[in-house]
C-alpha atoms as a PDB file:
ATOM      1  CA  MET A   1       0.000   0.000   0.000  1.00  0.00           C
ATOM      2  CA  ARG A   2       1.624   3.199  -1.108  1.00  0.00           C
ATOM      3  CA  LYS A   3      -0.989   5.471   0.416  1.00  0.00           C
ATOM      4  CA  GLN A   4      -0.087   6.284   4.028  1.00  0.00           C
ATOM      5  CA  ASN A   5      -3.634   6.783   5.317  1.00  0.00           C
ATOM      6  CA  VAL A   6      -5.601   3.617   4.503  1.00  0.00           C
ATOM      7  CA  PRO A   7      -8.634   3.635   6.848  1.00  0.00           C
ATOM      8  CA  VAL A   8      -9.413  -0.101   6.678  1.00  0.00           C
ATOM      9  CA  ALA A   9      -5.791  -1.125   7.282  1.00  0.00           C
ATOM     10  CA  LYS A  10      -5.523   1.376  10.130  1.00  0.00           C
ATOM     11  CA  LEU A  11      -8.718   0.012  11.699  1.00  0.00           C
ATOM     12  CA  ILE A  12      -7.595  -3.633  11.470  1.00  0.00           C
ATOM     13  CA  PHE A  13      -4.057  -2.899  12.681  1.00  0.00           C
ATOM     14  CA  GLY A  14      -5.465  -0.978  15.651  1.00  0.00           C
ATOM     15  CA  LEU A  15      -7.309  -4.110  16.796  1.00  0.00           C
ATOM     16  CA  PHE A  16      -4.169  -6.194  17.300  1.00  0.00           C
ATOM     17  CA  GLU A  17      -1.349  -3.634  17.516  1.00  0.00           C
ATOM     18  CA  GLU A  18      -0.695  -4.139  21.240  1.00  0.00           C
ATOM     19  CA  PHE A  19      -0.583  -7.952  20.871  1.00  0.00           C
ATOM     20  CA  THR A  20       2.008  -8.220  18.092  1.00  0.00           C
ATOM     21  CA  ASN A  21       5.573  -7.325  17.153  1.00  0.00           C
ATOM     22  CA  ILE A  22       4.597  -6.536  13.548  1.00  0.00           C
ATOM     23  CA  ASN A  23       5.899  -2.957  13.733  1.00  0.00           C
ATOM     24  CA  HIS A  24       9.446  -3.980  14.772  1.00  0.00           C
ATOM     25  CA  SER A  25      12.505  -5.164  12.890  1.00  0.00           C
ATOM     26  CA  CYS A  26      12.086  -8.801  14.018  1.00  0.00           C
ATOM     27  CA  PRO A  27      11.710 -11.104  10.974  1.00  0.00           C
ATOM     28  CA  PHE A  28       9.135 -13.278  12.799  1.00  0.00           C
ATOM     29  CA  VAL A  29       5.621 -11.966  13.335  1.00  0.00           C
ATOM     30  CA  VAL A  30       4.004 -13.031  16.595  1.00  0.00           C
ATOM     31  CA  ILE A  31       0.438 -12.359  17.703  1.00  0.00           C
ATOM     32  CA  LYS A  32      -0.020 -13.456  21.304  1.00  0.00           C
ATOM     33  CA  ASP A  33      -2.988 -13.379  23.730  1.00  0.00           C
ATOM     34  CA  LEU A  34      -5.194 -11.524  21.250  1.00  0.00           C
ATOM     35  CA  TYR A  35      -8.696 -10.553  22.271  1.00  0.00           C
ATOM     36  CA  LEU A  36     -10.875  -8.098  20.418  1.00  0.00           C
ATOM     37  CA  LYS A  37     -11.974  -4.875  22.042  1.00  0.00           C
ATOM     38  CA  PRO A  38     -15.224  -3.765  20.374  1.00  0.00           C
ATOM     39  CA  GLU A  39     -14.628  -0.148  21.412  1.00  0.00           C
ATOM     40  CA  LEU A  40     -11.579  -0.057  19.116  1.00  0.00           C
ATOM     41  CA  LEU A  41     -13.580  -1.242  16.120  1.00  0.00           C
ATOM     42  CA  ARG A  42     -15.526   2.034  15.810  1.00  0.00           C
ATOM     43  CA  LEU A  43     -18.192   0.283  13.739  1.00  0.00           C
ATOM     44  CA  PRO A  44     -21.539  -1.153  14.800  1.00  0.00           C
ATOM     45  CA  LEU A  45     -21.110  -4.913  14.786  1.00  0.00           C
ATOM     46  CA  PRO A  46     -24.162  -7.132  15.293  1.00  0.00           C
ATOM     47  CA  THR A  47     -23.919 -10.566  16.894  1.00  0.00           C
ATOM     48  CA  GLY A  48     -22.724 -13.161  14.392  1.00  0.00           C
ATOM     49  CA  ASP A  49     -19.945 -15.234  12.846  1.00  0.00           C
ATOM     50  CA  TYR A  50     -17.407 -13.262  10.812  1.00  0.00           C
ATOM     51  CA  MET A  51     -14.486 -14.072   8.542  1.00  0.00           C
ATOM     52  CA  LEU A  52     -11.812 -11.850   7.049  1.00  0.00           C
ATOM     53  CA  ALA A  53     -10.160 -13.479   4.028  1.00  0.00           C
ATOM     54  CA  LEU A  54      -7.006 -11.870   2.655  1.00  0.00           C
ATOM     55  CA  ARG A  55      -5.104 -12.828  -0.463  1.00  0.00           C
ATOM     56  CA  TRP A  56      -1.522 -11.534  -0.577  1.00  0.00           C
ATOM     57  CA  PHE A  57       0.275 -10.689  -3.823  1.00  0.00           C
ATOM     58  CA  PHE A  58       3.880  -9.805  -4.551  1.00  0.00           C
ATOM     59  CA  GLU A  59       4.890  -8.668  -8.022  1.00  0.00           C
ATOM     60  CA  LYS A  60       1.459  -9.677  -9.376  1.00  0.00           C
ATOM     61  CA  ARG A  61       1.793 -13.252  -8.075  1.00  0.00           C
ATOM     62  CA  GLN A  62      -0.244 -14.675  -5.230  1.00  0.00           C
ATOM     63  CA  VAL A  63       2.061 -15.629  -2.380  1.00  0.00           C
ATOM     64  CA  SER A  64      -0.288 -16.354   0.512  1.00  0.00           C
ATOM     65  CA  ASP A  65      -3.846 -16.577   1.816  1.00  0.00           C
ATOM     66  CA  THR A  66      -4.821 -15.567   5.340  1.00  0.00           C
ATOM     67  CA  ASN A  67      -8.199 -16.415   6.836  1.00  0.00           C
ATOM     68  CA  PHE A  68      -9.249 -14.984  10.175  1.00  0.00           C
ATOM     69  CA  SER A  69     -12.599 -15.958  11.656  1.00  0.00           C
ATOM     70  CA  PHE A  70     -14.322 -15.022  14.904  1.00  0.00           C
ATOM     71  CA  VAL A  71     -17.667 -14.966  16.684  1.00  0.00           C
ATOM     72  CA  PHE A  72     -18.938 -11.675  18.078  1.00  0.00           C
ATOM     73  CA  ILE A  73     -21.680 -11.558  20.718  1.00  0.00           C
ATOM     74  CA  GLU A  74     -23.210  -8.197  21.575  1.00  0.00           C
ATOM     75  CA  ASP A  75     -23.590  -7.258  25.219  1.00  0.00           C
ATOM     76  CA  LEU A  76     -27.216  -6.187  25.015  1.00  0.00           C
ATOM     77  CA  MET A  77     -27.433  -5.543  28.763  1.00  0.00           C
ATOM     78  CA  LYS A  78     -24.665  -2.940  28.704  1.00  0.00           C
ATOM     79  CA  SER A  79     -26.001   0.600  28.429  1.00  0.00           C
ATOM     80  CA  LYS A  80     -24.082   3.389  26.751  1.00  0.00           C
END
């Protein structure tokens, strides 16, 4: 991504930034003890099963697929 301000990437990275070393010079990427904080999502998310499927390309050739799935359950008793 050449554009510095990509809202979707910024939103997704913000969800797991504190649980990973992805922004460091280490060649291994580790995501440890991840749990989602709905307040960081900044989008209304109804209860349901979700999947984020990413296909990674390098020099116009597919190099990897990443699938991330999760279940989200709204706290309907919590008042705002």
